[in-house]
Amino acid sequence: MAKKTVIHVPLSEQGIDAAIREIKAYKRKLYGGMQRLITAMCKDGEAYAIAHVTHIDTGETVGSIHGYRKGNSGVIVAGGQAIWLEFGTGVYYNGNPNGSPNPYGKELGFKIGEYGKQHGLDQGWFYPTDDPRYEIVRHTQNGDVHTGYGYTHGIEADMFMFKTVKELQRQFPELAKKTFGK
């Protein structure tokens, strides 16, 4: 059976003042615990997102992932190429030009292939690159030959931020127990 907190208040002005002080002390303790819980969730969420983001050569996105407390809220942000990694960029991997496999894609109005020249609607496309690892020859329809192009099918939706939210939801009861005790 759960432990109950009982406050006995004598019906006097001093008794009511004492009860108010006890309630205010409990409020401060609860508020401090909530702030620690938010901070812990931000820290764990940042670490999880960094550990689970993929498709990165430059480190730009992984270096942009940060969790922080903002007032009574926690925020985990990712910059760089995060939007393309989260929702994917091509129908080759994601299979549906009308939406991303990420469940928030449709809600946010993000459809695969809508960025840039809408190459994400193609099964694959060439892109210019200076990276010698990807330098290939591109033959155009009129027979011209170009070098300095890579070829891609786009990238599969990684959904690392969506997975981070799900992991924090899973961890929440344990983090709350650690923060507030039994």
Protein backbone atom coordinates (compact mmCIF):
# COMPACT_ATOMS: atom_id res chain seq x y z
CA MET A 1 0.00 0.00 0.00
CA ALA A 2 1.30 3.47 -0.88
CA LYS A 3 2.52 5.69 1.93
CA LYS A 4 0.13 8.57 2.62
CA THR A 5 1.14 12.04 3.66
CA VAL A 6 -1.09 13.40 6.33
CA ILE A 7 -0.95 16.95 7.62
CA HIS A 8 -2.67 17.54 10.93
CA VAL A 9 -3.84 21.15 11.15
CA PRO A 10 -5.10 22.45 14.43
CA LEU A 11 -7.92 24.87 13.87
CA SER A 12 -6.01 27.96 14.80
CA GLU A 13 -4.27 30.74 12.94
CA GLN A 14 -0.86 29.34 13.95
CA GLY A 15 -1.84 25.82 12.82
CA ILE A 16 -2.98 27.06 9.43
CA ASP A 17 0.24 29.10 9.05
CA ALA A 18 2.27 25.98 9.86
CA ALA A 19 0.33 23.96 7.26
CA ILE A 20 0.94 26.66 4.65
CA ARG A 21 4.70 26.56 5.40
CA GLU A 22 4.71 22.74 5.04
CA ILE A 23 2.85 22.95 1.73
CA LYS A 24 5.24 25.63 0.41
CA ALA A 25 8.26 23.51 1.45
CA TYR A 26 6.74 20.51 -0.34
CA LYS A 27 6.08 22.68 -3.41
CA ARG A 28 9.77 23.79 -3.50
CA LYS A 29 10.91 20.17 -3.15
CA LEU A 30 8.56 19.03 -5.92
CA TYR A 31 9.57 21.90 -8.21
CA GLY A 32 13.28 21.18 -7.68
CA GLY A 33 12.69 17.51 -8.44
CA MET A 34 10.85 18.37 -11.65
CA GLN A 35 13.73 20.59 -12.77
CA ARG A 36 16.21 17.75 -12.08
CA LEU A 37 13.96 15.31 -13.96
CA ILE A 38 13.74 17.62 -16.99
CA THR A 39 17.53 18.09 -16.95
CA ALA A 40 18.08 14.31 -16.74
CA MET A 41 15.70 13.69 -19.64
CA CYS A 42 17.47 16.33 -21.76
CA LYS A 43 20.86 14.79 -20.98
CA ASP A 44 19.68 11.25 -21.73
CA GLY A 45 17.78 12.37 -24.83
CA GLU A 46 20.81 14.20 -26.22
CA ALA A 47 23.03 11.15 -25.65
CA TYR A 48 20.49 8.79 -27.22
CA ALA A 49 20.00 10.99 -30.30
CA ILE A 50 23.77 11.33 -30.82
CA ALA A 51 24.25 7.56 -30.46
CA HIS A 52 21.44 6.72 -32.90
CA VAL A 53 21.78 9.21 -35.74
CA THR A 54 23.18 7.56 -38.86
CA HIS A 55 23.99 8.44 -42.51
CA ILE A 56 26.59 10.99 -41.50
CA ASP A 57 30.01 11.51 -43.01
CA THR A 58 30.74 15.07 -41.91
CA GLY A 59 29.63 15.01 -38.29
CA GLU A 60 27.74 18.26 -38.90
CA THR A 61 24.42 16.93 -37.63
CA VAL A 62 25.79 14.93 -34.71
CA GLY A 63 27.69 18.03 -33.56
CA SER A 64 24.48 20.05 -33.67
CA ILE A 65 22.46 17.82 -31.32
CA HIS A 66 21.90 19.46 -27.95
CA GLY A 67 19.49 18.97 -25.07
CA TYR A 68 18.74 21.74 -22.62
CA ARG A 69 16.17 22.87 -20.11
CA LYS A 70 14.13 25.94 -21.00
CA GLY A 71 12.04 26.99 -18.03
CA ASN A 72 9.76 24.09 -17.19
CA SER A 73 10.35 22.34 -20.50
CA GLY A 74 13.07 20.22 -21.99
CA VAL A 75 14.30 20.73 -25.54
CA ILE A 76 16.43 18.49 -27.74
CA VAL A 77 17.45 20.06 -31.05
CA ALA A 78 19.31 18.81 -34.09
CA GLY A 79 20.57 21.03 -36.90
CA GLY A 80 22.68 20.41 -39.95
CA GLN A 81 21.10 17.85 -42.23
CA ALA A 82 18.81 16.57 -39.47
CA ILE A 83 15.54 17.14 -41.33
CA TRP A 84 16.67 14.99 -44.27
CA LEU A 85 17.99 12.30 -41.93
CA GLU A 86 14.82 12.30 -39.84
CA PHE A 87 12.32 12.11 -42.70
CA GLY A 88 14.36 10.66 -45.57
CA THR A 89 14.95 12.06 -49.04
CA GLY A 90 13.89 9.59 -51.69
CA VAL A 91 11.13 7.21 -52.72
CA TYR A 92 13.69 4.49 -53.43
CA TYR A 93 14.10 3.87 -49.72
CA ASN A 94 10.90 5.33 -48.37
CA GLY A 95 8.52 3.99 -50.99
CA ASN A 96 5.87 6.69 -50.91
CA PRO A 97 6.14 10.18 -52.41
CA ASN A 98 3.04 11.20 -50.42
CA GLY A 99 4.70 10.98 -47.05
CA SER A 100 7.61 9.90 -44.92
CA PRO A 101 7.62 6.71 -42.86
CA ASN A 102 8.09 9.01 -39.87
CA PRO A 103 4.59 9.29 -38.37
CA TYR A 104 5.02 13.05 -37.92
CA GLY A 105 5.94 13.63 -41.57
CA LYS A 106 2.38 14.00 -42.78
CA GLU A 107 1.35 16.04 -39.73
CA LEU A 108 4.23 18.46 -40.36
CA GLY A 109 3.51 18.60 -44.09
CA PHE A 110 6.79 16.96 -45.02
CA LYS A 111 6.54 14.93 -48.19
CA ILE A 112 9.50 13.10 -49.66
CA GLY A 113 10.92 14.85 -52.70
CA GLU A 114 9.49 18.31 -52.06
CA TYR A 115 12.85 19.91 -51.35
CA GLY A 116 15.09 21.44 -54.02
CA LYS A 117 14.38 20.22 -57.53
CA GLN A 118 12.14 17.42 -56.25
CA HIS A 119 14.68 14.75 -57.21
CA GLY A 120 13.50 12.77 -54.20
CA LEU A 121 10.52 11.70 -56.29
CA ASP A 122 12.93 9.93 -58.68
CA GLN A 123 14.31 6.45 -58.05
CA GLY A 124 17.81 7.97 -58.15
CA TRP A 125 19.62 11.09 -59.30
CA PHE A 126 23.03 12.62 -59.96
CA TYR A 127 24.42 15.40 -57.80
CA PRO A 128 27.56 17.53 -58.16
CA THR A 129 30.36 16.75 -55.72
CA ASP A 130 33.98 17.67 -55.09
CA ASP A 131 34.48 14.53 -53.02
CA PRO A 132 36.84 12.26 -55.02
CA ARG A 133 35.35 9.17 -53.34
CA TYR A 134 32.12 9.78 -55.26
CA GLU A 135 33.48 11.17 -58.51
CA ILE A 136 31.91 9.31 -61.39
CA VAL A 137 31.18 10.11 -65.00
CA ARG A 138 27.71 11.26 -65.90
CA HIS A 139 26.39 10.79 -69.41
CA THR A 140 23.57 13.11 -70.35
CA GLN A 141 20.79 12.55 -72.87
CA ASN A 142 22.60 14.52 -75.57
CA GLY A 143 25.77 12.45 -75.13
CA ASP A 144 27.78 14.97 -73.11
CA VAL A 145 30.14 13.51 -70.53
CA HIS A 146 30.59 15.21 -67.17
CA THR A 147 32.82 14.31 -64.24
CA GLY A 148 32.44 15.26 -60.60
CA TYR A 149 29.04 13.75 -59.99
CA GLY A 150 27.81 11.28 -57.46
CA TYR A 151 24.70 9.17 -57.81
CA THR A 152 22.20 8.60 -55.03
CA HIS A 153 18.88 6.98 -54.31
CA GLY A 154 18.41 9.48 -51.48
CA ILE A 155 18.58 8.40 -47.90
CA GLU A 156 16.29 6.25 -45.87
CA ALA A 157 14.37 7.97 -43.09
CA ASP A 158 16.50 7.49 -39.99
CA MET A 159 13.90 8.90 -37.56
CA PHE A 160 16.55 9.33 -34.83
CA MET A 161 14.63 12.14 -33.11
CA PHE A 162 11.35 10.19 -33.24
CA LYS A 163 13.19 7.22 -31.72
CA THR A 164 14.64 9.53 -29.07
CA VAL A 165 11.16 10.64 -28.02
CA LYS A 166 10.01 7.01 -27.81
CA GLU A 167 13.07 6.09 -25.72
CA LEU A 168 12.48 8.99 -23.31
CA GLN A 169 8.86 7.88 -22.92
CA ARG A 170 10.13 4.39 -22.08
CA GLN A 171 12.72 5.74 -19.60
CA PHE A 172 10.44 8.26 -17.90
CA PRO A 173 9.16 6.05 -15.03
CA GLU A 174 12.67 4.98 -14.07
CA LEU A 175 14.07 8.52 -14.30
CA ALA A 176 11.18 9.79 -12.16
CA LYS A 177 11.88 7.11 -9.54
CA LYS A 178 15.57 8.07 -9.46
CA THR A 179 14.71 11.75 -9.16
CA PHE A 180 11.96 11.55 -6.55
CA GLY A 181 12.87 8.30 -4.83
CA LYS A 182 10.35 5.54 -4.20
